[in-house]
Amino acid sequence: MRAATGSQCKLMNRGVTCVLFGSLKINLAAVFPSSCPLFHSVSESFISTSWQCAGLCLIFCTDVVFQGTFLVTQAVSKALVSAGAVKGSIITVGSIVGKVGNIGQVNYSASKAGVEGLTRTAAKELSKFGIRCNCVLPGFITTPMTDKVPEKVIDKVSKNIADACAFLASDDSRYITGISIEVAGGLFIG
């Protein structure tokens, strides 16, 4: 098996698509409402027809981000173990927002923090099978939230995220497991 290089990863449909192992393609994308404040007034909750409805935005984001990551991690780890693979690497995609939080994104922040916890636990549980699990924490990539950021900046950040994933998938990181790598350009240092 051969890990993807940064040049094999490209932006596609506002997400990142990487060819990691032969014909296996992994689509990495975040889907979340533009805003989900922790507190809403009762009238806002009842009249809102957007994803900002209290509770619904949290459920939606948790189902897509956290449960999706859990199900894919579970399926890939089962496949690796049942195939008798002597080693493997599972890379999840969290977010710097899961680590530092962000105003109006309680749903996204909580679900991405959950992805980090899932990754650390999976690393502990799967190490006996030679499977490493690590998490990449992007600062920002192409999403509706970043529409005003210059394309050349987004392309550079996305390439760095792809390079981090390629490194974690390679044997060069064979002694690294259970960690999160921030690929945020120093956005939240300290």
N, C-alpha and C. Protein backbone atom coordinates (compact mmCIF):
# COMPACT_ATOMS: atom_id res chain seq x y z
N MET A 1 0.84 -1.18 0.00
CA MET A 1 0.00 0.00 0.00
C MET A 1 0.88 1.24 0.00
N ARG A 2 0.45 2.24 -0.72
CA ARG A 2 1.22 3.46 -0.87
C ARG A 2 0.35 4.64 -0.47
N ALA A 3 0.91 5.50 0.35
CA ALA A 3 0.16 6.67 0.82
C ALA A 3 0.09 7.73 -0.26
N ALA A 4 -0.93 8.54 -0.18
CA ALA A 4 -1.09 9.64 -1.12
C ALA A 4 -0.04 10.71 -0.85
N THR A 5 0.33 11.40 -1.90
CA THR A 5 1.19 12.57 -1.73
C THR A 5 0.31 13.79 -1.85
N GLY A 6 0.86 14.92 -1.48
CA GLY A 6 0.10 16.15 -1.56
C GLY A 6 -0.44 16.40 -2.96
N SER A 7 0.32 15.99 -4.00
CA SER A 7 -0.13 16.24 -5.36
C SER A 7 -1.30 15.35 -5.76
N GLN A 8 -1.54 14.28 -5.03
CA GLN A 8 -2.65 13.40 -5.34
C GLN A 8 -3.94 13.88 -4.67
N CYS A 9 -3.84 14.89 -3.85
CA CYS A 9 -5.00 15.43 -3.15
C CYS A 9 -5.41 16.73 -3.82
N LYS A 10 -6.69 16.93 -4.01
CA LYS A 10 -7.14 18.14 -4.67
C LYS A 10 -8.47 18.59 -4.12
N LEU A 11 -8.76 19.85 -4.33
CA LEU A 11 -10.06 20.38 -3.95
C LEU A 11 -11.09 19.86 -4.94
N MET A 12 -12.21 19.41 -4.45
CA MET A 12 -13.27 18.94 -5.32
C MET A 12 -14.60 19.15 -4.62
N ASN A 13 -15.51 19.83 -5.27
CA ASN A 13 -16.83 20.09 -4.71
C ASN A 13 -16.76 20.65 -3.30
N ARG A 14 -15.90 21.62 -3.09
CA ARG A 14 -15.75 22.32 -1.82
C ARG A 14 -15.32 21.39 -0.69
N GLY A 15 -14.67 20.30 -0.98
CA GLY A 15 -14.13 19.39 0.01
C GLY A 15 -12.76 18.97 -0.45
N VAL A 16 -12.12 18.09 0.25
CA VAL A 16 -10.82 17.58 -0.15
C VAL A 16 -10.99 16.11 -0.47
N THR A 17 -10.55 15.70 -1.65
CA THR A 17 -10.62 14.30 -2.03
C THR A 17 -9.20 13.78 -2.17
N CYS A 18 -8.91 12.67 -1.54
CA CYS A 18 -7.57 12.08 -1.63
C CYS A 18 -7.68 10.63 -2.06
N VAL A 19 -6.81 10.20 -2.96
CA VAL A 19 -6.68 8.79 -3.28
C VAL A 19 -5.60 8.28 -2.33
N LEU A 20 -6.01 7.48 -1.35
CA LEU A 20 -5.07 7.04 -0.33
C LEU A 20 -4.46 5.68 -0.65
N PHE A 21 -5.29 4.70 -0.99
CA PHE A 21 -4.78 3.36 -1.24
C PHE A 21 -5.44 2.82 -2.50
N GLY A 22 -4.72 2.86 -3.62
CA GLY A 22 -5.27 2.36 -4.86
C GLY A 22 -6.54 3.09 -5.24
N SER A 23 -7.64 2.37 -5.33
CA SER A 23 -8.89 2.99 -5.78
C SER A 23 -9.75 3.50 -4.63
N LEU A 24 -9.29 3.37 -3.38
CA LEU A 24 -10.05 3.86 -2.25
C LEU A 24 -9.98 5.37 -2.20
N LYS A 25 -11.13 6.03 -2.31
CA LYS A 25 -11.18 7.49 -2.26
C LYS A 25 -11.88 7.91 -0.99
N ILE A 26 -11.30 8.84 -0.31
CA ILE A 26 -11.87 9.36 0.92
C ILE A 26 -12.28 10.81 0.68
N ASN A 27 -13.53 11.13 0.90
CA ASN A 27 -14.00 12.50 0.78
C ASN A 27 -14.07 13.10 2.17
N LEU A 28 -13.42 14.21 2.36
CA LEU A 28 -13.41 14.89 3.64
C LEU A 28 -14.16 16.20 3.47
N ALA A 29 -15.25 16.35 4.18
CA ALA A 29 -16.02 17.58 4.07
C ALA A 29 -16.73 17.85 5.37
N ALA A 30 -16.93 19.09 5.67
CA ALA A 30 -17.68 19.47 6.86
C ALA A 30 -19.01 20.05 6.42
N VAL A 31 -20.06 19.59 7.03
CA VAL A 31 -21.39 20.11 6.75
C VAL A 31 -21.94 20.61 8.07
N PHE A 32 -22.24 21.90 8.14
CA PHE A 32 -22.78 22.43 9.38
C PHE A 32 -23.51 23.72 9.07
N PRO A 33 -24.47 24.05 9.92
CA PRO A 33 -25.17 25.31 9.71
C PRO A 33 -24.24 26.48 9.90
N SER A 34 -24.57 27.61 9.30
CA SER A 34 -23.70 28.77 9.38
C SER A 34 -23.61 29.31 10.80
N SER A 35 -24.63 29.09 11.59
CA SER A 35 -24.63 29.61 12.95
C SER A 35 -25.51 28.75 13.83
N CYS A 36 -25.04 28.50 15.03
CA CYS A 36 -25.84 27.76 16.00
C CYS A 36 -25.45 28.25 17.38
N PRO A 37 -25.97 29.42 17.78
CA PRO A 37 -25.65 29.93 19.10
C PRO A 37 -26.18 29.01 20.19
N LEU A 38 -25.53 29.04 21.34
CA LEU A 38 -25.94 28.21 22.46
C LEU A 38 -27.31 28.61 22.97
N PHE A 39 -27.60 29.91 23.00
CA PHE A 39 -28.86 30.39 23.53
C PHE A 39 -29.72 31.02 22.44
N HIS A 40 -30.99 30.67 22.41
CA HIS A 40 -31.99 31.27 21.53
C HIS A 40 -33.16 31.69 22.40
N SER A 41 -33.86 32.73 22.01
CA SER A 41 -35.10 33.03 22.72
C SER A 41 -36.16 32.06 22.23
N VAL A 42 -37.20 31.85 23.01
CA VAL A 42 -38.25 30.90 22.65
C VAL A 42 -38.85 31.25 21.30
N SER A 43 -39.10 32.52 21.05
CA SER A 43 -39.73 32.90 19.79
C SER A 43 -38.83 32.58 18.60
N GLU A 44 -37.53 32.78 18.72
CA GLU A 44 -36.62 32.46 17.62
C GLU A 44 -36.66 30.97 17.32
N SER A 45 -36.68 30.14 18.37
CA SER A 45 -36.67 28.69 18.18
C SER A 45 -37.91 28.21 17.44
N PHE A 46 -39.05 28.83 17.70
CA PHE A 46 -40.28 28.38 17.09
C PHE A 46 -40.49 28.93 15.68
N ILE A 47 -40.00 30.12 15.39
CA ILE A 47 -40.27 30.70 14.08
C ILE A 47 -39.15 30.44 13.07
N SER A 48 -38.03 29.97 13.52
CA SER A 48 -36.90 29.78 12.61
C SER A 48 -37.15 28.58 11.70
N THR A 49 -36.88 28.74 10.42
CA THR A 49 -36.98 27.61 9.49
C THR A 49 -35.60 27.20 8.99
N SER A 50 -34.58 27.79 9.53
CA SER A 50 -33.21 27.44 9.12
C SER A 50 -32.64 26.39 10.07
N TRP A 51 -31.38 26.03 9.85
CA TRP A 51 -30.70 25.06 10.72
C TRP A 51 -30.42 25.63 12.09
N GLN A 52 -30.79 26.87 12.33
CA GLN A 52 -30.51 27.50 13.60
C GLN A 52 -31.51 27.12 14.68
N CYS A 53 -32.47 26.27 14.39
CA CYS A 53 -33.44 25.84 15.41
C CYS A 53 -32.68 25.22 16.58
N ALA A 54 -33.04 25.63 17.80
CA ALA A 54 -32.35 25.12 18.99
C ALA A 54 -32.44 23.61 19.03
N GLY A 55 -31.36 22.95 19.24
CA GLY A 55 -31.31 21.50 19.34
C GLY A 55 -31.15 20.81 18.00
N LEU A 56 -31.89 21.24 16.98
CA LEU A 56 -31.79 20.56 15.68
C LEU A 56 -30.41 20.70 15.07
N CYS A 57 -29.81 21.88 15.20
CA CYS A 57 -28.49 22.07 14.60
C CYS A 57 -27.45 21.19 15.29
N LEU A 58 -27.58 21.00 16.59
CA LEU A 58 -26.66 20.12 17.31
C LEU A 58 -26.83 18.68 16.88
N ILE A 59 -28.07 18.24 16.76
CA ILE A 59 -28.34 16.86 16.34
C ILE A 59 -27.83 16.62 14.93
N PHE A 60 -28.11 17.54 14.02
CA PHE A 60 -27.68 17.40 12.64
C PHE A 60 -26.16 17.31 12.55
N CYS A 61 -25.48 18.22 13.20
CA CYS A 61 -24.02 18.26 13.13
C CYS A 61 -23.40 17.04 13.79
N THR A 62 -23.96 16.63 14.92
CA THR A 62 -23.45 15.44 15.60
C THR A 62 -23.64 14.20 14.74
N ASP A 63 -24.78 14.08 14.09
CA ASP A 63 -25.03 12.93 13.23
C ASP A 63 -24.06 12.88 12.05
N VAL A 64 -23.85 14.02 11.41
CA VAL A 64 -23.00 14.05 10.23
C VAL A 64 -21.52 13.95 10.61
N VAL A 65 -21.07 14.82 11.49
CA VAL A 65 -19.65 14.91 11.80
C VAL A 65 -19.19 13.77 12.71
N PHE A 66 -19.80 13.65 13.87
CA PHE A 66 -19.31 12.68 14.84
C PHE A 66 -19.70 11.25 14.49
N GLN A 67 -20.99 11.02 14.26
CA GLN A 67 -21.43 9.65 13.97
C GLN A 67 -20.85 9.16 12.65
N GLY A 68 -20.75 10.04 11.66
CA GLY A 68 -20.13 9.66 10.40
C GLY A 68 -18.68 9.22 10.58
N THR A 69 -17.93 9.99 11.37
CA THR A 69 -16.53 9.64 11.64
C THR A 69 -16.44 8.32 12.40
N PHE A 70 -17.32 8.13 13.38
CA PHE A 70 -17.34 6.88 14.14
C PHE A 70 -17.60 5.69 13.22
N LEU A 71 -18.62 5.78 12.37
CA LEU A 71 -19.00 4.65 11.51
C LEU A 71 -17.91 4.31 10.50
N VAL A 72 -17.28 5.33 9.92
CA VAL A 72 -16.20 5.07 8.96
C VAL A 72 -14.98 4.48 9.67
N THR A 73 -14.62 5.01 10.85
CA THR A 73 -13.49 4.48 11.62
C THR A 73 -13.76 3.02 12.00
N GLN A 74 -14.97 2.73 12.43
CA GLN A 74 -15.34 1.37 12.81
C GLN A 74 -15.23 0.43 11.60
N ALA A 75 -15.78 0.83 10.46
CA ALA A 75 -15.76 -0.02 9.27
C ALA A 75 -14.33 -0.27 8.77
N VAL A 76 -13.52 0.78 8.74
CA VAL A 76 -12.14 0.63 8.26
C VAL A 76 -11.33 -0.23 9.21
N SER A 77 -11.49 -0.02 10.52
CA SER A 77 -10.71 -0.83 11.47
C SER A 77 -11.13 -2.29 11.41
N LYS A 78 -12.42 -2.56 11.27
CA LYS A 78 -12.87 -3.96 11.14
C LYS A 78 -12.31 -4.60 9.87
N ALA A 79 -12.30 -3.85 8.78
CA ALA A 79 -11.78 -4.36 7.51
C ALA A 79 -10.29 -4.66 7.62
N LEU A 80 -9.53 -3.77 8.25
CA LEU A 80 -8.09 -3.98 8.41
C LEU A 80 -7.81 -5.22 9.26
N VAL A 81 -8.52 -5.35 10.37
CA VAL A 81 -8.30 -6.48 11.27
C VAL A 81 -8.72 -7.79 10.60
N SER A 82 -9.89 -7.82 9.96
CA SER A 82 -10.36 -9.06 9.33
C SER A 82 -9.51 -9.46 8.13
N ALA A 83 -8.86 -8.49 7.48
CA ALA A 83 -7.97 -8.80 6.35
C ALA A 83 -6.61 -9.27 6.83
N GLY A 84 -6.36 -9.18 8.13
CA GLY A 84 -5.08 -9.61 8.68
C GLY A 84 -3.96 -8.62 8.43
N ALA A 85 -4.30 -7.38 8.20
CA ALA A 85 -3.26 -6.35 7.98
C ALA A 85 -2.39 -6.26 9.23
N VAL A 86 -1.08 -6.21 9.04
CA VAL A 86 -0.17 -6.12 10.18
C VAL A 86 0.03 -4.68 10.64
N LYS A 87 -0.42 -3.75 9.83
CA LYS A 87 -0.35 -2.35 10.22
C LYS A 87 -1.41 -1.57 9.44
N GLY A 88 -1.72 -0.41 9.95
CA GLY A 88 -2.69 0.44 9.27
C GLY A 88 -2.67 1.82 9.88
N SER A 89 -3.29 2.77 9.19
CA SER A 89 -3.35 4.14 9.68
C SER A 89 -4.72 4.70 9.37
N ILE A 90 -5.40 5.16 10.39
CA ILE A 90 -6.70 5.81 10.23
C ILE A 90 -6.51 7.28 10.61
N ILE A 91 -6.93 8.15 9.72
CA ILE A 91 -6.79 9.58 9.93
C ILE A 91 -8.17 10.20 9.95
N THR A 92 -8.50 10.84 11.05
CA THR A 92 -9.77 11.54 11.14
C THR A 92 -9.52 13.03 10.93
N VAL A 93 -10.57 13.74 10.58
CA VAL A 93 -10.44 15.18 10.38
C VAL A 93 -11.32 15.89 11.39
N GLY A 94 -10.66 16.56 12.33
CA GLY A 94 -11.36 17.35 13.32
C GLY A 94 -11.38 18.79 12.84
N SER A 95 -11.19 19.71 13.74
CA SER A 95 -11.13 21.13 13.41
C SER A 95 -10.49 21.85 14.58
N ILE A 96 -9.77 22.91 14.28
CA ILE A 96 -9.22 23.74 15.35
C ILE A 96 -10.36 24.29 16.21
N VAL A 97 -11.55 24.44 15.64
CA VAL A 97 -12.71 24.93 16.38
C VAL A 97 -13.12 23.92 17.46
N GLY A 98 -12.88 22.64 17.23
CA GLY A 98 -13.17 21.63 18.25
C GLY A 98 -12.26 21.75 19.45
N LYS A 99 -11.12 22.37 19.26
CA LYS A 99 -10.15 22.55 20.34
C LYS A 99 -10.32 23.88 21.06
N VAL A 100 -10.62 24.95 20.31
CA VAL A 100 -10.67 26.28 20.92
C VAL A 100 -12.08 26.87 21.00
N GLY A 101 -13.05 26.25 20.33
CA GLY A 101 -14.41 26.78 20.32
C GLY A 101 -14.54 27.98 19.40
N ASN A 102 -15.78 28.38 19.13
CA ASN A 102 -16.03 29.54 18.29
C ASN A 102 -17.45 30.04 18.57
N ILE A 103 -17.60 31.32 18.67
CA ILE A 103 -18.91 31.91 18.93
C ILE A 103 -19.90 31.51 17.84
N GLY A 104 -21.06 31.03 18.25
CA GLY A 104 -22.11 30.66 17.31
C GLY A 104 -21.96 29.29 16.69
N GLN A 105 -20.98 28.49 17.14
CA GLN A 105 -20.77 27.17 16.56
C GLN A 105 -20.68 26.09 17.64
N VAL A 106 -21.56 26.13 18.60
CA VAL A 106 -21.54 25.14 19.67
C VAL A 106 -21.71 23.73 19.10
N ASN A 107 -22.53 23.59 18.06
CA ASN A 107 -22.77 22.29 17.44
C ASN A 107 -21.51 21.74 16.79
N TYR A 108 -20.90 22.54 15.95
CA TYR A 108 -19.71 22.13 15.22
C TYR A 108 -18.53 21.90 16.17
N SER A 109 -18.35 22.81 17.10
CA SER A 109 -17.26 22.70 18.07
C SER A 109 -17.37 21.42 18.89
N ALA A 110 -18.57 21.14 19.39
CA ALA A 110 -18.77 19.94 20.21
C ALA A 110 -18.56 18.66 19.40
N SER A 111 -19.07 18.63 18.17
CA SER A 111 -18.92 17.41 17.37
C SER A 111 -17.46 17.19 16.96
N LYS A 112 -16.73 18.25 16.65
CA LYS A 112 -15.32 18.10 16.28
C LYS A 112 -14.45 17.76 17.49
N ALA A 113 -14.80 18.26 18.68
CA ALA A 113 -14.10 17.85 19.90
C ALA A 113 -14.32 16.36 20.12
N GLY A 114 -15.52 15.89 19.83
CA GLY A 114 -15.82 14.47 19.93
C GLY A 114 -14.98 13.62 18.99
N VAL A 115 -14.69 14.15 17.80
CA VAL A 115 -13.85 13.43 16.84
C VAL A 115 -12.45 13.24 17.42
N GLU A 116 -11.93 14.26 18.11
CA GLU A 116 -10.60 14.12 18.75
C GLU A 116 -10.62 13.04 19.82
N GLY A 117 -11.64 13.03 20.66
CA GLY A 117 -11.75 12.01 21.70
C GLY A 117 -11.90 10.62 21.11
N LEU A 118 -12.71 10.50 20.07
CA LEU A 118 -12.88 9.23 19.37
C LEU A 118 -11.54 8.73 18.84
N THR A 119 -10.77 9.63 18.26
CA THR A 119 -9.47 9.27 17.67
C THR A 119 -8.50 8.76 18.73
N ARG A 120 -8.43 9.46 19.86
CA ARG A 120 -7.52 9.02 20.94
C ARG A 120 -7.93 7.65 21.48
N THR A 121 -9.23 7.44 21.65
CA THR A 121 -9.71 6.16 22.16
C THR A 121 -9.47 5.05 21.14
N ALA A 122 -9.75 5.33 19.88
CA ALA A 122 -9.51 4.34 18.83
C ALA A 122 -8.03 3.98 18.77
N ALA A 123 -7.15 4.96 18.95
CA ALA A 123 -5.70 4.68 18.95
C ALA A 123 -5.34 3.70 20.05
N LYS A 124 -5.92 3.87 21.22
CA LYS A 124 -5.65 2.96 22.33
C LYS A 124 -6.21 1.56 22.05
N GLU A 125 -7.42 1.50 21.54
CA GLU A 125 -8.06 0.20 21.31
C GLU A 125 -7.45 -0.56 20.13
N LEU A 126 -6.99 0.15 19.12
CA LEU A 126 -6.52 -0.51 17.90
C LEU A 126 -5.01 -0.72 17.85
N SER A 127 -4.28 -0.18 18.82
CA SER A 127 -2.81 -0.33 18.79
C SER A 127 -2.39 -1.79 18.85
N LYS A 128 -3.14 -2.62 19.53
CA LYS A 128 -2.77 -4.05 19.63
C LYS A 128 -2.85 -4.75 18.27
N PHE A 129 -3.52 -4.13 17.29
CA PHE A 129 -3.60 -4.68 15.94
C PHE A 129 -2.62 -3.99 14.98
N GLY A 130 -1.79 -3.09 15.51
CA GLY A 130 -0.85 -2.37 14.67
C GLY A 130 -1.49 -1.24 13.87
N ILE A 131 -2.67 -0.82 14.30
CA ILE A 131 -3.37 0.26 13.60
C ILE A 131 -3.18 1.56 14.39
N ARG A 132 -2.67 2.57 13.68
CA ARG A 132 -2.48 3.89 14.28
C ARG A 132 -3.67 4.77 13.93
N CYS A 133 -4.07 5.63 14.85
CA CYS A 133 -5.17 6.58 14.61
C CYS A 133 -4.72 7.97 15.03
N ASN A 134 -4.85 8.90 14.12
CA ASN A 134 -4.47 10.29 14.38
C ASN A 134 -5.51 11.22 13.79
N CYS A 135 -5.50 12.45 14.25
CA CYS A 135 -6.49 13.44 13.84
C CYS A 135 -5.79 14.69 13.30
N VAL A 136 -6.29 15.22 12.21
CA VAL A 136 -5.80 16.47 11.65
C VAL A 136 -6.82 17.56 11.98
N LEU A 137 -6.34 18.69 12.47
CA LEU A 137 -7.19 19.81 12.86
C LEU A 137 -6.95 21.00 11.93
N PRO A 138 -7.71 21.09 10.84
CA PRO A 138 -7.55 22.24 9.94
C PRO A 138 -8.01 23.53 10.59
N GLY A 139 -7.40 24.63 10.18
CA GLY A 139 -7.84 25.95 10.62
C GLY A 139 -9.03 26.38 9.81
N PHE A 140 -8.87 26.43 8.50
CA PHE A 140 -10.00 26.70 7.61
C PHE A 140 -9.69 26.13 6.24
N ILE A 141 -10.74 25.64 5.59
CA ILE A 141 -10.66 25.14 4.23
C ILE A 141 -11.85 25.72 3.48
N THR A 142 -11.99 25.40 2.22
CA THR A 142 -13.06 25.96 1.42
C THR A 142 -14.42 25.50 1.93
N THR A 143 -15.16 26.43 2.47
CA THR A 143 -16.53 26.21 2.91
C THR A 143 -17.26 27.54 2.69
N PRO A 144 -18.58 27.56 2.82
CA PRO A 144 -19.27 28.85 2.70
C PRO A 144 -18.74 29.89 3.69
N MET A 145 -18.21 29.43 4.83
CA MET A 145 -17.67 30.34 5.83
C MET A 145 -16.44 31.10 5.31
N THR A 146 -15.71 30.50 4.39
CA THR A 146 -14.45 31.09 3.93
C THR A 146 -14.55 31.65 2.51
N ASP A 147 -15.75 31.90 2.03
CA ASP A 147 -15.93 32.41 0.66
C ASP A 147 -15.15 33.69 0.38
N LYS A 148 -14.91 34.52 1.38
CA LYS A 148 -14.23 35.80 1.15
C LYS A 148 -12.71 35.70 1.27
N VAL A 149 -12.20 34.53 1.66
CA VAL A 149 -10.75 34.34 1.75
C VAL A 149 -10.22 34.10 0.33
N PRO A 150 -9.11 34.76 -0.05
CA PRO A 150 -8.56 34.58 -1.40
C PRO A 150 -8.29 33.11 -1.73
N GLU A 151 -8.62 32.72 -2.95
CA GLU A 151 -8.46 31.33 -3.42
C GLU A 151 -7.04 30.81 -3.21
N LYS A 152 -6.01 31.65 -3.47
CA LYS A 152 -4.63 31.19 -3.33
C LYS A 152 -4.30 30.84 -1.87
N VAL A 153 -4.93 31.51 -0.93
CA VAL A 153 -4.72 31.19 0.49
C VAL A 153 -5.37 29.84 0.82
N ILE A 154 -6.60 29.65 0.36
CA ILE A 154 -7.32 28.39 0.60
C ILE A 154 -6.57 27.22 -0.02
N ASP A 155 -6.09 27.38 -1.26
CA ASP A 155 -5.35 26.31 -1.93
C ASP A 155 -4.11 25.92 -1.14
N LYS A 156 -3.38 26.91 -0.61
CA LYS A 156 -2.18 26.63 0.17
C LYS A 156 -2.51 25.87 1.45
N VAL A 157 -3.56 26.31 2.16
CA VAL A 157 -3.98 25.64 3.39
C VAL A 157 -4.42 24.22 3.09
N SER A 158 -5.23 24.04 2.03
CA SER A 158 -5.72 22.70 1.68
C SER A 158 -4.58 21.76 1.33
N LYS A 159 -3.54 22.27 0.63
CA LYS A 159 -2.39 21.43 0.30
C LYS A 159 -1.67 21.01 1.57
N ASN A 160 -1.54 21.91 2.54
CA ASN A 160 -0.89 21.56 3.80
C ASN A 160 -1.68 20.51 4.56
N ILE A 161 -3.00 20.57 4.51
CA ILE A 161 -3.83 19.55 5.16
C ILE A 161 -3.61 18.20 4.48
N ALA A 162 -3.60 18.20 3.15
CA ALA A 162 -3.35 16.97 2.40
C ALA A 162 -1.97 16.40 2.72
N ASP A 163 -0.98 17.27 2.82
CA ASP A 163 0.38 16.82 3.15
C ASP A 163 0.44 16.20 4.55
N ALA A 164 -0.27 16.80 5.51
CA ALA A 164 -0.32 16.25 6.87
C ALA A 164 -0.96 14.86 6.86
N CYS A 165 -2.04 14.72 6.09
CA CYS A 165 -2.71 13.41 5.98
C CYS A 165 -1.78 12.38 5.32
N ALA A 166 -1.09 12.79 4.27
CA ALA A 166 -0.16 11.89 3.58
C ALA A 166 0.95 11.44 4.53
N PHE A 167 1.48 12.36 5.33
CA PHE A 167 2.52 12.01 6.31
C PHE A 167 1.98 11.00 7.32
N LEU A 168 0.80 11.26 7.86
CA LEU A 168 0.24 10.36 8.87
C LEU A 168 -0.11 8.99 8.29
N ALA A 169 -0.38 8.92 7.00
CA ALA A 169 -0.68 7.64 6.35
C ALA A 169 0.59 6.87 6.01
N SER A 170 1.72 7.53 6.00
CA SER A 170 2.97 6.90 5.58
C SER A 170 3.70 6.21 6.73
N ASP A 171 4.69 5.41 6.35
CA ASP A 171 5.53 4.75 7.35
C ASP A 171 6.45 5.74 8.07
N ASP A 172 6.60 6.93 7.53
CA ASP A 172 7.41 7.95 8.21
C ASP A 172 6.82 8.33 9.56
N SER A 173 5.54 8.05 9.76
CA SER A 173 4.89 8.37 11.04
C SER A 173 4.54 7.10 11.83
N ARG A 174 5.29 6.02 11.58
CA ARG A 174 4.96 4.72 12.17
C ARG A 174 4.98 4.70 13.71
N TYR A 175 5.58 5.69 14.34
CA TYR A 175 5.64 5.74 15.81
C TYR A 175 4.76 6.85 16.36
N ILE A 176 3.80 7.30 15.56
CA ILE A 176 2.90 8.38 15.96
C ILE A 176 1.47 7.85 15.97
N THR A 177 0.82 7.91 17.13
CA THR A 177 -0.58 7.50 17.22
C THR A 177 -1.26 8.23 18.37
N GLY A 178 -2.55 8.47 18.20
CA GLY A 178 -3.34 9.10 19.25
C GLY A 178 -3.14 10.60 19.39
N ILE A 179 -2.62 11.24 18.37
CA ILE A 179 -2.35 12.68 18.47
C ILE A 179 -3.21 13.46 17.49
N SER A 180 -3.27 14.75 17.72
CA SER A 180 -3.94 15.67 16.81
C SER A 180 -2.91 16.67 16.30
N ILE A 181 -2.86 16.85 15.00
CA ILE A 181 -1.94 17.80 14.39
C ILE A 181 -2.74 19.01 13.92
N GLU A 182 -2.36 20.17 14.44
CA GLU A 182 -3.02 21.41 14.02
C GLU A 182 -2.40 21.87 12.71
N VAL A 183 -3.24 22.07 11.71
CA VAL A 183 -2.80 22.63 10.42
C VAL A 183 -3.60 23.91 10.24
N ALA A 184 -3.21 24.89 11.02
CA ALA A 184 -3.98 26.13 11.10
C ALA A 184 -3.12 27.37 10.91
N GLY A 185 -1.88 27.19 10.48
CA GLY A 185 -1.02 28.34 10.23
C GLY A 185 -0.78 29.22 11.44
N GLY A 186 -0.82 28.63 12.62
CA GLY A 186 -0.58 29.40 13.85
C GLY A 186 -1.77 30.25 14.26
N LEU A 187 -2.94 29.95 13.72
CA LEU A 187 -4.13 30.74 13.98
C LEU A 187 -4.45 30.88 15.46
N PHE A 188 -4.19 29.84 16.24
CA PHE A 188 -4.52 29.87 17.67
C PHE A 188 -3.32 29.43 18.51
N ILE A 189 -2.21 30.11 18.39
CA ILE A 189 -1.03 29.78 19.19
C ILE A 189 -1.24 30.30 20.61
N GLY A 190 -0.86 29.46 21.57
CA GLY A 190 -0.87 29.92 22.96
C GLY A 190 -2.14 29.73 23.61
